[in-house]
């Protein structure tokens, strides 16, 4: 059984895929923190669920192209979520 011959990823596709993977790992890390400490548990679970469904749906619509505008929009959406999370944490410590 031979693996399918897939075209190589371009540099832009690799960067967006790496950004998505990094955001997903950050979300999983925050989920672990939230479950162990009990802080913002609902946000953490919802954020990871949104990432799973969003990234999978975007990559299906984009037909595997990580540089597709829909996939890029998903990455940017989760960057905004990180910004909001940082803002909440900063506000909590003031």
C-alpha atoms as a PDB file:
ATOM      1  CA  UNK A   1       0.000   0.000   0.000  1.00  0.00           C
ATOM      2  CA  UNK A   2       1.700   3.163  -1.214  1.00  0.00           C
ATOM      3  CA  UNK A   3       0.857   6.570   0.268  1.00  0.00           C
ATOM      4  CA  UNK A   4      -0.810   8.984  -2.159  1.00  0.00           C
ATOM      5  CA  UNK A   5       1.422  11.373  -4.057  1.00  0.00           C
ATOM      6  CA  UNK A   6       0.629  14.765  -2.617  1.00  0.00           C
ATOM      7  CA  UNK A   7       2.025  18.024  -3.936  1.00  0.00           C
ATOM      8  CA  UNK A   8       4.552  19.716  -1.658  1.00  0.00           C
ATOM      9  CA  UNK A   9       3.340  22.587   0.504  1.00  0.00           C
ATOM     10  CA  UNK A  10       4.442  26.094  -0.347  1.00  0.00           C
ATOM     11  CA  UNK A  11       6.154  28.310   2.216  1.00  0.00           C
ATOM     12  CA  UNK A  12       2.974  30.303   2.794  1.00  0.00           C
ATOM     13  CA  UNK A  13       0.953  27.134   3.377  1.00  0.00           C
ATOM     14  CA  UNK A  14       3.526  25.880   5.867  1.00  0.00           C
ATOM     15  CA  UNK A  15       3.461  29.177   7.802  1.00  0.00           C
ATOM     16  CA  UNK A  16      -0.339  29.214   8.101  1.00  0.00           C
ATOM     17  CA  UNK A  17      -0.426  25.528   9.078  1.00  0.00           C
ATOM     18  CA  UNK A  18       2.243  26.165  11.729  1.00  0.00           C
ATOM     19  CA  UNK A  19       0.270  29.153  13.057  1.00  0.00           C
ATOM     20  CA  UNK A  20      -2.875  27.022  13.302  1.00  0.00           C
ATOM     21  CA  UNK A  21      -1.011  24.212  15.056  1.00  0.00           C
ATOM     22  CA  UNK A  22       0.545  26.646  17.518  1.00  0.00           C
ATOM     23  CA  UNK A  23      -2.819  28.195  18.318  1.00  0.00           C
ATOM     24  CA  UNK A  24      -4.348  24.760  18.792  1.00  0.00           C
ATOM     25  CA  UNK A  25      -1.582  23.709  21.183  1.00  0.00           C
ATOM     26  CA  UNK A  26      -2.017  26.963  23.095  1.00  0.00           C
ATOM     27  CA  UNK A  27      -5.756  26.272  23.331  1.00  0.00           C
ATOM     28  CA  UNK A  28      -5.150  22.735  24.602  1.00  0.00           C
ATOM     29  CA  UNK A  29      -2.684  24.082  27.158  1.00  0.00           C
ATOM     30  CA  UNK A  30      -5.193  26.655  28.357  1.00  0.00           C
ATOM     31  CA  UNK A  31      -7.856  23.931  28.524  1.00  0.00           C
ATOM     32  CA  UNK A  32      -5.603  21.883  30.793  1.00  0.00           C
ATOM     33  CA  UNK A  33      -4.987  24.913  33.003  1.00  0.00           C
ATOM     34  CA  UNK A  34      -8.701  25.738  33.121  1.00  0.00           C
ATOM     35  CA  UNK A  35      -9.721  22.195  34.021  1.00  0.00           C
ATOM     36  CA  UNK A  36      -7.106  21.901  36.749  1.00  0.00           C
ATOM     37  CA  UNK A  37      -7.769  25.311  38.305  1.00  0.00           C
ATOM     38  CA  UNK A  38     -11.485  25.695  37.538  1.00  0.00           C
ATOM     39  CA  UNK A  39     -10.959  29.173  36.038  1.00  0.00           C
ATOM     40  CA  UNK A  40     -12.721  30.028  32.741  1.00  0.00           C
ATOM     41  CA  UNK A  41     -13.591  26.389  32.126  1.00  0.00           C
ATOM     42  CA  UNK A  42     -16.486  27.143  29.760  1.00  0.00           C
ATOM     43  CA  UNK A  43     -14.383  29.497  27.639  1.00  0.00           C
ATOM     44  CA  UNK A  44     -11.555  26.963  27.355  1.00  0.00           C
ATOM     45  CA  UNK A  45     -13.833  24.107  26.308  1.00  0.00           C
ATOM     46  CA  UNK A  46     -15.732  26.306  23.853  1.00  0.00           C
ATOM     47  CA  UNK A  47     -12.546  27.706  22.365  1.00  0.00           C
ATOM     48  CA  UNK A  48     -11.063  24.264  21.702  1.00  0.00           C
ATOM     49  CA  UNK A  49     -14.367  23.068  20.218  1.00  0.00           C
ATOM     50  CA  UNK A  50     -14.518  26.161  18.007  1.00  0.00           C
ATOM     51  CA  UNK A  51     -10.958  25.480  16.845  1.00  0.00           C
ATOM     52  CA  UNK A  52     -11.658  21.861  15.982  1.00  0.00           C
ATOM     53  CA  UNK A  53     -14.836  22.544  14.017  1.00  0.00           C
ATOM     54  CA  UNK A  54     -13.497  25.762  12.485  1.00  0.00           C
ATOM     55  CA  UNK A  55     -10.168  24.411  11.271  1.00  0.00           C
ATOM     56  CA  UNK A  56     -11.648  21.144   9.993  1.00  0.00           C
ATOM     57  CA  UNK A  57     -14.484  22.927   8.206  1.00  0.00           C
ATOM     58  CA  UNK A  58     -12.190  25.547   6.715  1.00  0.00           C
ATOM     59  CA  UNK A  59      -9.684  23.010   5.433  1.00  0.00           C
ATOM     60  CA  UNK A  60     -12.501  20.951   3.877  1.00  0.00           C
ATOM     61  CA  UNK A  61     -13.954  23.955   2.081  1.00  0.00           C
ATOM     62  CA  UNK A  62     -10.444  25.036   1.038  1.00  0.00           C
ATOM     63  CA  UNK A  63      -9.760  21.526  -0.333  1.00  0.00           C
ATOM     64  CA  UNK A  64      -6.567  21.179   1.701  1.00  0.00           C
ATOM     65  CA  UNK A  65      -5.102  24.605   0.920  1.00  0.00           C
ATOM     66  CA  UNK A  66      -3.713  26.086   4.132  1.00  0.00           C
ATOM     67  CA  UNK A  67      -3.218  29.453   2.382  1.00  0.00           C
ATOM     68  CA  UNK A  68      -6.932  29.742   1.498  1.00  0.00           C
ATOM     69  CA  UNK A  69      -8.576  32.968   2.769  1.00  0.00           C
ATOM     70  CA  UNK A  70     -11.114  31.006   4.834  1.00  0.00           C
ATOM     71  CA  UNK A  71      -8.377  29.124   6.669  1.00  0.00           C
ATOM     72  CA  UNK A  72      -6.476  32.367   7.209  1.00  0.00           C
ATOM     73  CA  UNK A  73      -9.642  33.909   8.649  1.00  0.00           C
ATOM     74  CA  UNK A  74      -9.906  31.028  11.127  1.00  0.00           C
ATOM     75  CA  UNK A  75      -6.334  31.609  12.270  1.00  0.00           C
ATOM     76  CA  UNK A  76      -6.981  35.345  12.679  1.00  0.00           C
ATOM     77  CA  UNK A  77     -10.213  34.626  14.584  1.00  0.00           C
ATOM     78  CA  UNK A  78      -8.277  32.613  17.137  1.00  0.00           C
ATOM     79  CA  UNK A  79      -5.615  35.307  17.401  1.00  0.00           C
ATOM     80  CA  UNK A  80      -8.438  37.699  18.350  1.00  0.00           C
ATOM     81  CA  UNK A  81      -9.587  35.154  20.954  1.00  0.00           C
ATOM     82  CA  UNK A  82      -6.068  35.157  22.437  1.00  0.00           C
ATOM     83  CA  UNK A  83      -6.130  38.953  22.516  1.00  0.00           C
ATOM     84  CA  UNK A  84      -9.428  38.899  24.390  1.00  0.00           C
ATOM     85  CA  UNK A  85      -8.100  36.285  26.793  1.00  0.00           C
ATOM     86  CA  UNK A  86      -5.006  38.384  27.504  1.00  0.00           C
ATOM     87  CA  UNK A  87      -7.199  41.449  28.036  1.00  0.00           C
ATOM     88  CA  UNK A  88      -9.348  39.578  30.553  1.00  0.00           C
ATOM     89  CA  UNK A  89      -6.281  38.306  32.419  1.00  0.00           C
ATOM     90  CA  UNK A  90      -4.734  41.795  32.531  1.00  0.00           C
ATOM     91  CA  UNK A  91      -8.032  43.240  33.738  1.00  0.00           C
ATOM     92  CA  UNK A  92      -8.278  40.567  36.464  1.00  0.00           C
ATOM     93  CA  UNK A  93      -4.888  41.470  37.916  1.00  0.00           C
ATOM     94  CA  UNK A  94      -5.506  45.222  38.055  1.00  0.00           C
END
